[in-house]
Amino acid sequence: MKLAASRALYAYWSQMRGARSAPERDDIDPGAIRGLLADTFILEFAPHSGFPFRIVGARTGALFQRELRGEPFLALWRARDRDEIRAVLAAVADEAQPFLIGASAAPEGVRPIDVEVLLLPLRHHGATHARVLGCCAPGAAPLWLGLLEVDGLALLTLRALGRRDDDSMATLDASAAAKDFGRAPQPIRRGAFFVHSPGR
């Protein structure tokens, strides 16, 4: 995970999960992740409806230039990527498997930016096929963000996350990361590489 928002939400979700395969929806306290809420969403697990948004953060809405609540998550993706995203969401619910998706997005005719999409299983009253917690975080803050609508998310990479990822972030304090996310240094892309500058 390259972005602070993804790392912090995953660390918080892992903390709430404990030894279980997934936490309950009621375990998630918005106040504990208030610094991440602009990039956070909750989906209803309803494949026939395209996995509609139940809750969606303001920055994600700004990326697509519209209110997304009630809209299908699948509609945000290019048509050719939707079957794969549908299969990923099925694995999130069927296997309680978290996924990290690398994507790109841009308005038509504008250079794209990288976007990290994190999908985390949630139980709802014990049911595993009910809710999905997620994060949609842009890797940069371009001048057009909030002014122009992106032309859809393009799938680039997929990664299933496991318990080893929990261990690698054991020292990350979720609440501190949430509070400091807006001030976190952003990586600069140089060809196929990301250059991370140390914070001042």
N, C-alpha and C. Protein backbone atom coordinates (compact mmCIF):
# COMPACT_ATOMS: atom_id res chain seq x y z
N MET A 1 0.84 -1.19 0.00
CA MET A 1 0.00 0.00 0.00
C MET A 1 0.87 1.24 0.00
N LYS A 2 0.66 2.10 -0.98
CA LYS A 2 1.49 3.30 -1.10
C LYS A 2 0.92 4.48 -0.33
N LEU A 3 -0.41 4.55 -0.19
CA LEU A 3 -1.05 5.76 0.33
C LEU A 3 -1.41 5.62 1.80
N ALA A 4 -1.27 6.73 2.51
CA ALA A 4 -1.53 6.75 3.95
C ALA A 4 -2.97 6.39 4.27
N ALA A 5 -3.91 6.83 3.45
CA ALA A 5 -5.32 6.54 3.73
C ALA A 5 -5.59 5.04 3.69
N SER A 6 -5.07 4.36 2.66
CA SER A 6 -5.26 2.91 2.55
C SER A 6 -4.62 2.19 3.73
N ARG A 7 -3.40 2.58 4.07
CA ARG A 7 -2.68 1.93 5.17
C ARG A 7 -3.42 2.12 6.49
N ALA A 8 -3.89 3.33 6.73
CA ALA A 8 -4.55 3.61 8.00
C ALA A 8 -5.88 2.88 8.12
N LEU A 9 -6.67 2.84 7.03
CA LEU A 9 -7.95 2.14 7.09
C LEU A 9 -7.73 0.64 7.27
N TYR A 10 -6.74 0.10 6.58
CA TYR A 10 -6.46 -1.34 6.73
C TYR A 10 -6.00 -1.66 8.15
N ALA A 11 -5.16 -0.80 8.72
CA ALA A 11 -4.70 -1.02 10.09
C ALA A 11 -5.87 -0.98 11.08
N TYR A 12 -6.78 -0.03 10.88
CA TYR A 12 -7.94 0.08 11.78
C TYR A 12 -8.85 -1.14 11.62
N TRP A 13 -9.12 -1.53 10.37
CA TRP A 13 -9.95 -2.71 10.11
C TRP A 13 -9.34 -3.96 10.75
N SER A 14 -8.02 -4.11 10.62
CA SER A 14 -7.33 -5.26 11.21
C SER A 14 -7.46 -5.26 12.73
N GLN A 15 -7.34 -4.08 13.32
CA GLN A 15 -7.48 -3.96 14.77
C GLN A 15 -8.89 -4.35 15.21
N MET A 16 -9.91 -3.90 14.48
CA MET A 16 -11.29 -4.23 14.83
C MET A 16 -11.61 -5.71 14.57
N ARG A 17 -10.95 -6.28 13.60
CA ARG A 17 -11.18 -7.69 13.27
C ARG A 17 -10.65 -8.61 14.36
N GLY A 18 -9.46 -8.31 14.88
CA GLY A 18 -8.87 -9.21 15.86
C GLY A 18 -8.59 -10.57 15.27
N ALA A 19 -9.04 -11.62 15.94
CA ALA A 19 -8.83 -12.99 15.47
C ALA A 19 -9.92 -13.46 14.51
N ARG A 20 -10.94 -12.62 14.29
CA ARG A 20 -12.03 -13.00 13.40
C ARG A 20 -11.64 -12.80 11.94
N SER A 21 -12.42 -13.38 11.04
CA SER A 21 -12.15 -13.18 9.61
C SER A 21 -12.54 -11.78 9.15
N ALA A 22 -13.50 -11.17 9.83
CA ALA A 22 -13.94 -9.81 9.48
C ALA A 22 -14.66 -9.21 10.67
N PRO A 23 -14.56 -7.89 10.85
CA PRO A 23 -15.29 -7.25 11.94
C PRO A 23 -16.77 -7.07 11.59
N GLU A 24 -17.57 -6.78 12.60
CA GLU A 24 -18.98 -6.43 12.38
C GLU A 24 -19.09 -4.98 11.92
N ARG A 25 -20.12 -4.70 11.17
CA ARG A 25 -20.36 -3.32 10.73
C ARG A 25 -20.43 -2.38 11.93
N ASP A 26 -21.05 -2.81 13.01
CA ASP A 26 -21.20 -1.95 14.18
C ASP A 26 -19.89 -1.73 14.94
N ASP A 27 -18.85 -2.51 14.61
CA ASP A 27 -17.55 -2.31 15.24
C ASP A 27 -16.85 -1.07 14.69
N ILE A 28 -17.24 -0.62 13.51
CA ILE A 28 -16.57 0.50 12.85
C ILE A 28 -17.11 1.81 13.40
N ASP A 29 -16.23 2.57 14.05
CA ASP A 29 -16.60 3.85 14.66
C ASP A 29 -16.10 4.98 13.75
N PRO A 30 -16.99 5.72 13.10
CA PRO A 30 -16.55 6.81 12.22
C PRO A 30 -15.65 7.82 12.92
N GLY A 31 -15.87 8.05 14.20
CA GLY A 31 -15.04 9.00 14.93
C GLY A 31 -13.59 8.56 15.01
N ALA A 32 -13.36 7.25 15.00
CA ALA A 32 -11.99 6.74 15.11
C ALA A 32 -11.21 6.91 13.81
N ILE A 33 -11.92 7.09 12.70
CA ILE A 33 -11.26 7.25 11.40
C ILE A 33 -11.72 8.54 10.72
N ARG A 34 -12.01 9.55 11.52
CA ARG A 34 -12.58 10.78 10.96
C ARG A 34 -11.68 11.43 9.92
N GLY A 35 -10.35 11.27 10.05
CA GLY A 35 -9.45 11.84 9.06
C GLY A 35 -9.46 11.11 7.73
N LEU A 36 -10.10 9.94 7.69
CA LEU A 36 -10.15 9.13 6.46
C LEU A 36 -11.51 9.16 5.78
N LEU A 37 -12.51 9.76 6.42
CA LEU A 37 -13.88 9.61 5.95
C LEU A 37 -14.09 10.16 4.55
N ALA A 38 -13.32 11.16 4.15
CA ALA A 38 -13.50 11.73 2.80
C ALA A 38 -13.19 10.72 1.71
N ASP A 39 -12.37 9.71 2.03
CA ASP A 39 -11.98 8.69 1.05
C ASP A 39 -12.61 7.33 1.31
N THR A 40 -13.46 7.25 2.32
CA THR A 40 -14.00 5.96 2.76
C THR A 40 -15.43 5.76 2.25
N PHE A 41 -15.78 4.50 2.01
CA PHE A 41 -17.14 4.18 1.58
C PHE A 41 -17.56 2.83 2.15
N ILE A 42 -18.87 2.59 2.13
CA ILE A 42 -19.43 1.28 2.45
C ILE A 42 -20.36 0.88 1.32
N LEU A 43 -20.18 -0.35 0.82
CA LEU A 43 -21.02 -0.89 -0.24
C LEU A 43 -22.00 -1.89 0.33
N GLU A 44 -23.15 -1.97 -0.30
CA GLU A 44 -24.09 -3.07 -0.03
C GLU A 44 -23.71 -4.23 -0.93
N PHE A 45 -23.64 -5.44 -0.35
CA PHE A 45 -23.31 -6.60 -1.18
C PHE A 45 -24.58 -7.04 -1.92
N ALA A 46 -24.79 -6.42 -3.07
CA ALA A 46 -25.97 -6.69 -3.89
C ALA A 46 -25.50 -6.79 -5.34
N PRO A 47 -25.00 -7.96 -5.75
CA PRO A 47 -24.45 -8.12 -7.10
C PRO A 47 -25.43 -7.73 -8.21
N HIS A 48 -26.71 -8.05 -8.02
CA HIS A 48 -27.71 -7.74 -9.05
C HIS A 48 -27.88 -6.25 -9.26
N SER A 49 -27.48 -5.44 -8.27
CA SER A 49 -27.60 -3.98 -8.37
C SER A 49 -26.26 -3.30 -8.58
N GLY A 50 -25.21 -4.09 -8.82
CA GLY A 50 -23.90 -3.51 -9.07
C GLY A 50 -23.17 -3.06 -7.83
N PHE A 51 -23.56 -3.56 -6.64
CA PHE A 51 -22.93 -3.22 -5.36
C PHE A 51 -23.07 -1.71 -5.07
N PRO A 52 -24.27 -1.27 -4.76
CA PRO A 52 -24.49 0.18 -4.56
C PRO A 52 -23.81 0.72 -3.32
N PHE A 53 -23.43 2.00 -3.41
CA PHE A 53 -22.87 2.71 -2.27
C PHE A 53 -23.96 2.98 -1.24
N ARG A 54 -23.69 2.66 0.02
CA ARG A 54 -24.57 3.06 1.11
C ARG A 54 -24.06 4.33 1.77
N ILE A 55 -22.75 4.44 1.89
CA ILE A 55 -22.07 5.63 2.43
C ILE A 55 -20.89 5.90 1.52
N VAL A 56 -20.63 7.18 1.23
CA VAL A 56 -19.49 7.50 0.38
C VAL A 56 -18.90 8.85 0.79
N GLY A 57 -17.58 8.91 0.84
CA GLY A 57 -16.89 10.12 1.28
C GLY A 57 -16.90 11.23 0.24
N ALA A 58 -16.69 12.45 0.73
CA ALA A 58 -16.79 13.63 -0.12
C ALA A 58 -15.72 13.67 -1.21
N ARG A 59 -14.49 13.23 -0.91
CA ARG A 59 -13.44 13.29 -1.92
C ARG A 59 -13.70 12.30 -3.04
N THR A 60 -14.28 11.15 -2.72
CA THR A 60 -14.63 10.19 -3.76
C THR A 60 -15.73 10.77 -4.64
N GLY A 61 -16.71 11.43 -4.03
CA GLY A 61 -17.75 12.10 -4.81
C GLY A 61 -17.17 13.18 -5.70
N ALA A 62 -16.18 13.92 -5.18
CA ALA A 62 -15.56 14.99 -5.97
C ALA A 62 -14.80 14.42 -7.16
N LEU A 63 -14.21 13.26 -6.99
CA LEU A 63 -13.48 12.63 -8.09
C LEU A 63 -14.40 12.34 -9.27
N PHE A 64 -15.65 11.96 -8.94
CA PHE A 64 -16.61 11.61 -10.00
C PHE A 64 -17.63 12.72 -10.25
N GLN A 65 -17.53 13.81 -9.52
CA GLN A 65 -18.34 15.01 -9.72
C GLN A 65 -19.84 14.75 -9.60
N ARG A 66 -20.22 13.88 -8.64
CA ARG A 66 -21.64 13.65 -8.41
C ARG A 66 -21.83 12.94 -7.07
N GLU A 67 -23.06 12.97 -6.58
CA GLU A 67 -23.43 12.24 -5.37
C GLU A 67 -23.51 10.76 -5.74
N LEU A 68 -22.73 9.92 -5.07
CA LEU A 68 -22.64 8.51 -5.43
C LEU A 68 -23.52 7.61 -4.58
N ARG A 69 -24.08 8.12 -3.50
CA ARG A 69 -24.89 7.25 -2.63
C ARG A 69 -26.04 6.65 -3.43
N GLY A 70 -26.16 5.33 -3.37
CA GLY A 70 -27.19 4.61 -4.11
C GLY A 70 -26.77 4.18 -5.50
N GLU A 71 -25.66 4.74 -6.00
CA GLU A 71 -25.18 4.37 -7.33
C GLU A 71 -24.36 3.08 -7.25
N PRO A 72 -24.33 2.29 -8.34
CA PRO A 72 -23.56 1.05 -8.31
C PRO A 72 -22.06 1.30 -8.38
N PHE A 73 -21.32 0.63 -7.53
CA PHE A 73 -19.86 0.71 -7.52
C PHE A 73 -19.29 0.27 -8.86
N LEU A 74 -19.88 -0.77 -9.46
CA LEU A 74 -19.37 -1.26 -10.73
C LEU A 74 -19.42 -0.21 -11.83
N ALA A 75 -20.36 0.72 -11.74
CA ALA A 75 -20.50 1.74 -12.78
C ALA A 75 -19.33 2.71 -12.82
N LEU A 76 -18.49 2.74 -11.76
CA LEU A 76 -17.35 3.63 -11.74
C LEU A 76 -16.18 3.10 -12.56
N TRP A 77 -16.27 1.85 -12.98
CA TRP A 77 -15.16 1.20 -13.68
C TRP A 77 -15.43 1.11 -15.18
N ARG A 78 -14.35 1.03 -15.95
CA ARG A 78 -14.49 0.79 -17.39
C ARG A 78 -15.26 -0.50 -17.61
N ALA A 79 -16.03 -0.55 -18.68
CA ALA A 79 -16.88 -1.71 -18.95
C ALA A 79 -16.07 -3.00 -19.00
N ARG A 80 -14.87 -2.95 -19.57
CA ARG A 80 -14.08 -4.17 -19.72
C ARG A 80 -13.50 -4.68 -18.40
N ASP A 81 -13.51 -3.84 -17.35
CA ASP A 81 -12.96 -4.24 -16.05
C ASP A 81 -14.04 -4.72 -15.08
N ARG A 82 -15.30 -4.54 -15.42
CA ARG A 82 -16.36 -4.76 -14.42
C ARG A 82 -16.51 -6.21 -14.01
N ASP A 83 -16.33 -7.15 -14.93
CA ASP A 83 -16.45 -8.56 -14.54
C ASP A 83 -15.38 -8.95 -13.54
N GLU A 84 -14.17 -8.41 -13.72
CA GLU A 84 -13.09 -8.73 -12.79
C GLU A 84 -13.34 -8.10 -11.42
N ILE A 85 -13.85 -6.87 -11.41
CA ILE A 85 -14.17 -6.22 -10.13
C ILE A 85 -15.31 -6.97 -9.44
N ARG A 86 -16.28 -7.43 -10.21
CA ARG A 86 -17.38 -8.23 -9.64
C ARG A 86 -16.83 -9.49 -8.98
N ALA A 87 -15.87 -10.16 -9.65
CA ALA A 87 -15.27 -11.38 -9.10
C ALA A 87 -14.48 -11.08 -7.83
N VAL A 88 -13.80 -9.93 -7.80
CA VAL A 88 -13.06 -9.54 -6.60
C VAL A 88 -14.01 -9.33 -5.42
N LEU A 89 -15.12 -8.65 -5.66
CA LEU A 89 -16.09 -8.40 -4.59
C LEU A 89 -16.70 -9.71 -4.10
N ALA A 90 -16.90 -10.67 -5.00
CA ALA A 90 -17.41 -11.98 -4.58
C ALA A 90 -16.39 -12.66 -3.66
N ALA A 91 -15.10 -12.55 -3.99
CA ALA A 91 -14.06 -13.14 -3.14
C ALA A 91 -13.97 -12.44 -1.79
N VAL A 92 -14.18 -11.12 -1.77
CA VAL A 92 -14.19 -10.38 -0.51
C VAL A 92 -15.23 -10.96 0.43
N ALA A 93 -16.42 -11.26 -0.10
CA ALA A 93 -17.50 -11.78 0.73
C ALA A 93 -17.38 -13.29 0.97
N ASP A 94 -17.11 -14.06 -0.09
CA ASP A 94 -17.09 -15.52 0.03
C ASP A 94 -15.97 -16.00 0.93
N GLU A 95 -14.81 -15.36 0.85
CA GLU A 95 -13.63 -15.83 1.55
C GLU A 95 -13.16 -14.87 2.65
N ALA A 96 -13.94 -13.80 2.91
CA ALA A 96 -13.53 -12.74 3.85
C ALA A 96 -12.12 -12.28 3.52
N GLN A 97 -11.89 -12.05 2.22
CA GLN A 97 -10.56 -11.74 1.71
C GLN A 97 -10.44 -10.25 1.35
N PRO A 98 -9.58 -9.49 2.03
CA PRO A 98 -9.37 -8.10 1.65
C PRO A 98 -8.53 -8.00 0.36
N PHE A 99 -8.82 -6.99 -0.43
CA PHE A 99 -8.10 -6.76 -1.68
C PHE A 99 -7.66 -5.31 -1.79
N LEU A 100 -6.50 -5.12 -2.41
CA LEU A 100 -6.01 -3.79 -2.78
C LEU A 100 -5.97 -3.72 -4.29
N ILE A 101 -6.62 -2.71 -4.86
CA ILE A 101 -6.69 -2.55 -6.30
C ILE A 101 -5.95 -1.28 -6.69
N GLY A 102 -5.06 -1.40 -7.67
CA GLY A 102 -4.42 -0.24 -8.25
C GLY A 102 -5.18 0.16 -9.51
N ALA A 103 -5.49 1.42 -9.63
CA ALA A 103 -6.26 1.91 -10.77
C ALA A 103 -5.72 3.25 -11.22
N SER A 104 -6.21 3.71 -12.35
CA SER A 104 -5.90 5.07 -12.79
C SER A 104 -7.21 5.74 -13.20
N ALA A 105 -7.20 7.07 -13.14
CA ALA A 105 -8.41 7.82 -13.47
C ALA A 105 -8.03 9.21 -13.95
N ALA A 106 -8.83 9.75 -14.84
CA ALA A 106 -8.63 11.12 -15.32
C ALA A 106 -9.83 11.55 -16.14
N PRO A 107 -10.11 12.84 -16.20
CA PRO A 107 -11.08 13.33 -17.18
C PRO A 107 -10.54 13.07 -18.59
N GLU A 108 -11.43 13.05 -19.55
CA GLU A 108 -11.03 12.80 -20.93
C GLU A 108 -10.01 13.85 -21.39
N GLY A 109 -8.90 13.36 -21.98
CA GLY A 109 -7.88 14.25 -22.51
C GLY A 109 -6.89 14.78 -21.50
N VAL A 110 -6.96 14.33 -20.25
CA VAL A 110 -6.07 14.79 -19.19
C VAL A 110 -5.21 13.62 -18.72
N ARG A 111 -3.97 13.91 -18.33
CA ARG A 111 -3.08 12.86 -17.85
C ARG A 111 -3.66 12.19 -16.61
N PRO A 112 -3.71 10.85 -16.58
CA PRO A 112 -4.34 10.17 -15.44
C PRO A 112 -3.50 10.22 -14.16
N ILE A 113 -4.17 10.05 -13.04
CA ILE A 113 -3.51 9.90 -11.75
C ILE A 113 -3.76 8.49 -11.24
N ASP A 114 -2.90 8.05 -10.34
CA ASP A 114 -3.07 6.74 -9.73
C ASP A 114 -4.08 6.82 -8.59
N VAL A 115 -4.86 5.77 -8.43
CA VAL A 115 -5.87 5.67 -7.38
C VAL A 115 -5.73 4.31 -6.72
N GLU A 116 -5.74 4.29 -5.39
CA GLU A 116 -5.78 3.02 -4.66
C GLU A 116 -7.19 2.78 -4.17
N VAL A 117 -7.70 1.58 -4.43
CA VAL A 117 -9.02 1.17 -3.96
C VAL A 117 -8.84 -0.04 -3.06
N LEU A 118 -9.23 0.11 -1.81
CA LEU A 118 -9.12 -0.95 -0.80
C LEU A 118 -10.52 -1.50 -0.53
N LEU A 119 -10.67 -2.83 -0.56
CA LEU A 119 -11.96 -3.48 -0.31
C LEU A 119 -11.80 -4.45 0.86
N LEU A 120 -12.59 -4.23 1.91
CA LEU A 120 -12.46 -4.99 3.15
C LEU A 120 -13.81 -5.61 3.53
N PRO A 121 -13.83 -6.90 3.87
CA PRO A 121 -15.10 -7.53 4.25
C PRO A 121 -15.61 -7.04 5.60
N LEU A 122 -16.92 -6.92 5.70
CA LEU A 122 -17.60 -6.59 6.95
C LEU A 122 -18.73 -7.59 7.17
N ARG A 123 -18.95 -7.95 8.42
CA ARG A 123 -20.16 -8.72 8.76
C ARG A 123 -21.25 -7.73 9.16
N HIS A 124 -22.48 -8.11 8.90
CA HIS A 124 -23.61 -7.29 9.31
C HIS A 124 -24.63 -8.21 9.95
N HIS A 125 -24.74 -8.12 11.29
CA HIS A 125 -25.58 -9.06 12.05
C HIS A 125 -25.16 -10.49 11.76
N GLY A 126 -23.85 -10.70 11.62
CA GLY A 126 -23.32 -12.04 11.41
C GLY A 126 -23.22 -12.47 9.96
N ALA A 127 -23.93 -11.79 9.08
CA ALA A 127 -23.93 -12.18 7.67
C ALA A 127 -22.66 -11.67 6.99
N THR A 128 -22.04 -12.53 6.18
CA THR A 128 -20.81 -12.15 5.48
C THR A 128 -21.08 -11.52 4.12
N HIS A 129 -22.25 -11.71 3.56
CA HIS A 129 -22.58 -11.17 2.23
C HIS A 129 -23.55 -10.00 2.40
N ALA A 130 -23.08 -8.96 3.09
CA ALA A 130 -23.97 -7.85 3.38
C ALA A 130 -23.31 -6.49 3.11
N ARG A 131 -22.10 -6.27 3.62
CA ARG A 131 -21.44 -4.97 3.50
C ARG A 131 -19.97 -5.15 3.14
N VAL A 132 -19.42 -4.15 2.47
CA VAL A 132 -17.99 -4.08 2.16
C VAL A 132 -17.52 -2.67 2.52
N LEU A 133 -16.48 -2.60 3.35
CA LEU A 133 -15.85 -1.34 3.70
C LEU A 133 -14.75 -1.06 2.70
N GLY A 134 -14.63 0.19 2.26
CA GLY A 134 -13.62 0.49 1.26
C GLY A 134 -13.03 1.87 1.38
N CYS A 135 -12.00 2.08 0.59
CA CYS A 135 -11.31 3.36 0.52
C CYS A 135 -10.95 3.60 -0.94
N CYS A 136 -11.19 4.80 -1.43
CA CYS A 136 -10.82 5.18 -2.80
C CYS A 136 -9.98 6.44 -2.67
N ALA A 137 -8.65 6.29 -2.73
CA ALA A 137 -7.75 7.40 -2.44
C ALA A 137 -6.91 7.75 -3.67
N PRO A 138 -7.00 8.99 -4.14
CA PRO A 138 -6.14 9.42 -5.25
C PRO A 138 -4.70 9.59 -4.78
N GLY A 139 -3.76 9.25 -5.65
CA GLY A 139 -2.35 9.36 -5.30
C GLY A 139 -1.79 10.75 -5.42
N ALA A 140 -2.61 11.70 -5.88
CA ALA A 140 -2.18 13.09 -6.02
C ALA A 140 -3.43 13.96 -5.94
N ALA A 141 -3.22 15.26 -5.82
CA ALA A 141 -4.33 16.21 -5.79
C ALA A 141 -4.21 17.14 -6.99
N PRO A 142 -4.60 16.68 -8.17
CA PRO A 142 -4.45 17.51 -9.37
C PRO A 142 -5.39 18.72 -9.34
N LEU A 143 -5.06 19.71 -10.15
CA LEU A 143 -5.86 20.93 -10.18
C LEU A 143 -7.30 20.69 -10.62
N TRP A 144 -7.51 19.64 -11.41
CA TRP A 144 -8.86 19.39 -11.93
C TRP A 144 -9.76 18.65 -10.93
N LEU A 145 -9.20 18.14 -9.82
CA LEU A 145 -10.01 17.39 -8.87
C LEU A 145 -11.11 18.27 -8.29
N GLY A 146 -12.35 17.83 -8.38
CA GLY A 146 -13.49 18.59 -7.90
C GLY A 146 -14.08 19.51 -8.96
N LEU A 147 -13.40 19.62 -10.11
CA LEU A 147 -13.89 20.48 -11.19
C LEU A 147 -14.33 19.68 -12.42
N LEU A 148 -13.61 18.58 -12.69
CA LEU A 148 -13.90 17.76 -13.87
C LEU A 148 -14.18 16.33 -13.44
N GLU A 149 -15.10 15.69 -14.12
CA GLU A 149 -15.47 14.30 -13.82
C GLU A 149 -14.51 13.34 -14.49
N VAL A 150 -14.03 12.35 -13.75
CA VAL A 150 -13.14 11.36 -14.36
C VAL A 150 -13.93 10.47 -15.30
N ASP A 151 -13.20 9.88 -16.23
CA ASP A 151 -13.82 9.09 -17.29
C ASP A 151 -13.98 7.62 -16.91
N GLY A 152 -13.93 7.31 -15.63
CA GLY A 152 -14.04 5.93 -15.17
C GLY A 152 -12.70 5.40 -14.69
N LEU A 153 -12.74 4.48 -13.72
CA LEU A 153 -11.52 3.88 -13.18
C LEU A 153 -11.03 2.78 -14.11
N ALA A 154 -9.73 2.77 -14.37
CA ALA A 154 -9.10 1.74 -15.19
C ALA A 154 -8.31 0.81 -14.28
N LEU A 155 -8.63 -0.46 -14.29
CA LEU A 155 -7.97 -1.45 -13.45
C LEU A 155 -6.53 -1.67 -13.93
N LEU A 156 -5.57 -1.57 -12.99
CA LEU A 156 -4.16 -1.79 -13.30
C LEU A 156 -3.61 -3.02 -12.59
N THR A 157 -3.83 -3.12 -11.26
CA THR A 157 -3.26 -4.22 -10.49
C THR A 157 -4.26 -4.70 -9.44
N LEU A 158 -4.08 -5.95 -9.04
CA LEU A 158 -4.89 -6.56 -7.97
C LEU A 158 -3.96 -7.26 -7.00
N ARG A 159 -4.26 -7.11 -5.71
CA ARG A 159 -3.47 -7.82 -4.70
C ARG A 159 -4.37 -8.26 -3.56
N ALA A 160 -4.35 -9.56 -3.26
CA ALA A 160 -5.05 -10.09 -2.10
C ALA A 160 -4.16 -9.88 -0.88
N LEU A 161 -4.74 -9.32 0.19
CA LEU A 161 -3.99 -9.02 1.41
C LEU A 161 -4.19 -10.15 2.43
N GLY A 162 -3.11 -10.45 3.16
CA GLY A 162 -3.18 -11.52 4.15
C GLY A 162 -2.69 -11.09 5.51
N ARG A 163 -2.57 -12.04 6.41
CA ARG A 163 -2.16 -11.73 7.77
C ARG A 163 -0.74 -11.16 7.84
N ARG A 164 0.09 -11.49 6.87
CA ARG A 164 1.45 -10.93 6.87
C ARG A 164 1.40 -9.41 6.68
N ASP A 165 0.39 -8.94 5.95
CA ASP A 165 0.23 -7.50 5.79
C ASP A 165 -0.14 -6.86 7.12
N ASP A 166 -0.92 -7.57 7.94
CA ASP A 166 -1.23 -7.07 9.28
C ASP A 166 0.06 -6.88 10.07
N ASP A 167 0.94 -7.89 10.01
CA ASP A 167 2.18 -7.84 10.78
C ASP A 167 3.08 -6.71 10.31
N SER A 168 3.12 -6.47 9.01
CA SER A 168 4.02 -5.44 8.48
C SER A 168 3.60 -4.05 8.90
N MET A 169 2.34 -3.89 9.30
CA MET A 169 1.85 -2.57 9.71
C MET A 169 1.47 -2.55 11.18
N ALA A 170 2.02 -3.49 11.95
CA ALA A 170 1.65 -3.58 13.36
C ALA A 170 2.01 -2.33 14.14
N THR A 171 3.04 -1.61 13.69
CA THR A 171 3.45 -0.42 14.42
C THR A 171 2.73 0.84 13.97
N LEU A 172 1.89 0.73 12.94
CA LEU A 172 1.16 1.91 12.45
C LEU A 172 -0.02 2.17 13.37
N ASP A 173 -0.09 3.36 13.93
CA ASP A 173 -1.22 3.75 14.77
C ASP A 173 -2.31 4.30 13.89
N ALA A 174 -3.46 3.62 13.81
CA ALA A 174 -4.51 4.00 12.87
C ALA A 174 -5.04 5.40 13.13
N SER A 175 -5.25 5.75 14.40
CA SER A 175 -5.81 7.07 14.68
C SER A 175 -4.84 8.18 14.33
N ALA A 176 -3.55 7.97 14.58
CA ALA A 176 -2.55 8.98 14.24
C ALA A 176 -2.43 9.12 12.74
N ALA A 177 -2.46 7.99 12.03
CA ALA A 177 -2.36 8.05 10.58
C ALA A 177 -3.57 8.74 9.99
N ALA A 178 -4.75 8.48 10.56
CA ALA A 178 -5.96 9.15 10.07
C ALA A 178 -5.85 10.65 10.26
N LYS A 179 -5.36 11.07 11.42
CA LYS A 179 -5.27 12.50 11.72
C LYS A 179 -4.27 13.19 10.80
N ASP A 180 -3.17 12.47 10.46
CA ASP A 180 -2.10 13.10 9.71
C ASP A 180 -2.18 12.84 8.21
N PHE A 181 -3.21 12.16 7.74
CA PHE A 181 -3.27 11.78 6.33
C PHE A 181 -3.17 12.97 5.40
N GLY A 182 -3.86 14.05 5.70
CA GLY A 182 -3.86 15.20 4.82
C GLY A 182 -2.49 15.84 4.68
N ARG A 183 -1.60 15.61 5.66
CA ARG A 183 -0.27 16.21 5.61
C ARG A 183 0.79 15.22 5.15
N ALA A 184 0.39 14.00 4.83
CA ALA A 184 1.36 12.99 4.43
C ALA A 184 1.99 13.34 3.09
N PRO A 185 3.31 13.18 2.93
CA PRO A 185 3.94 13.48 1.64
C PRO A 185 3.44 12.53 0.57
N GLN A 186 3.20 13.04 -0.62
CA GLN A 186 2.68 12.24 -1.72
C GLN A 186 3.84 11.79 -2.62
N PRO A 187 3.83 10.53 -3.09
CA PRO A 187 4.89 10.07 -3.98
C PRO A 187 4.80 10.75 -5.34
N ILE A 188 5.94 10.91 -5.98
CA ILE A 188 6.00 11.47 -7.33
C ILE A 188 6.33 10.34 -8.28
N ARG A 189 5.54 10.21 -9.35
CA ARG A 189 5.77 9.13 -10.30
C ARG A 189 6.82 9.53 -11.32
N ARG A 190 7.82 8.68 -11.50
CA ARG A 190 8.85 8.85 -12.52
C ARG A 190 8.87 7.60 -13.37
N GLY A 191 8.15 7.62 -14.48
CA GLY A 191 8.04 6.42 -15.31
C GLY A 191 7.34 5.32 -14.55
N ALA A 192 8.01 4.16 -14.40
CA ALA A 192 7.41 3.03 -13.69
C ALA A 192 7.70 3.05 -12.21
N PHE A 193 8.37 4.12 -11.71
CA PHE A 193 8.77 4.16 -10.31
C PHE A 193 8.04 5.27 -9.56
N PHE A 194 7.93 5.11 -8.23
CA PHE A 194 7.40 6.14 -7.36
C PHE A 194 8.54 6.65 -6.48
N VAL A 195 8.70 7.97 -6.44
CA VAL A 195 9.72 8.60 -5.62
C VAL A 195 9.05 9.15 -4.38
N HIS A 196 9.46 8.67 -3.20
CA HIS A 196 8.89 9.11 -1.93
C HIS A 196 9.86 10.08 -1.27
N SER A 197 9.39 11.29 -1.01
CA SER A 197 10.22 12.29 -0.35
C SER A 197 9.96 12.23 1.14
N PRO A 198 10.98 12.31 1.98
CA PRO A 198 10.77 12.28 3.43
C PRO A 198 10.03 13.51 3.89
N GLY A 199 9.20 13.36 4.93
CA GLY A 199 8.48 14.50 5.49
C GLY A 199 9.42 15.49 6.12
N ARG A 200 9.00 16.77 6.12
CA ARG A 200 9.85 17.81 6.70
C ARG A 200 9.57 17.96 8.17
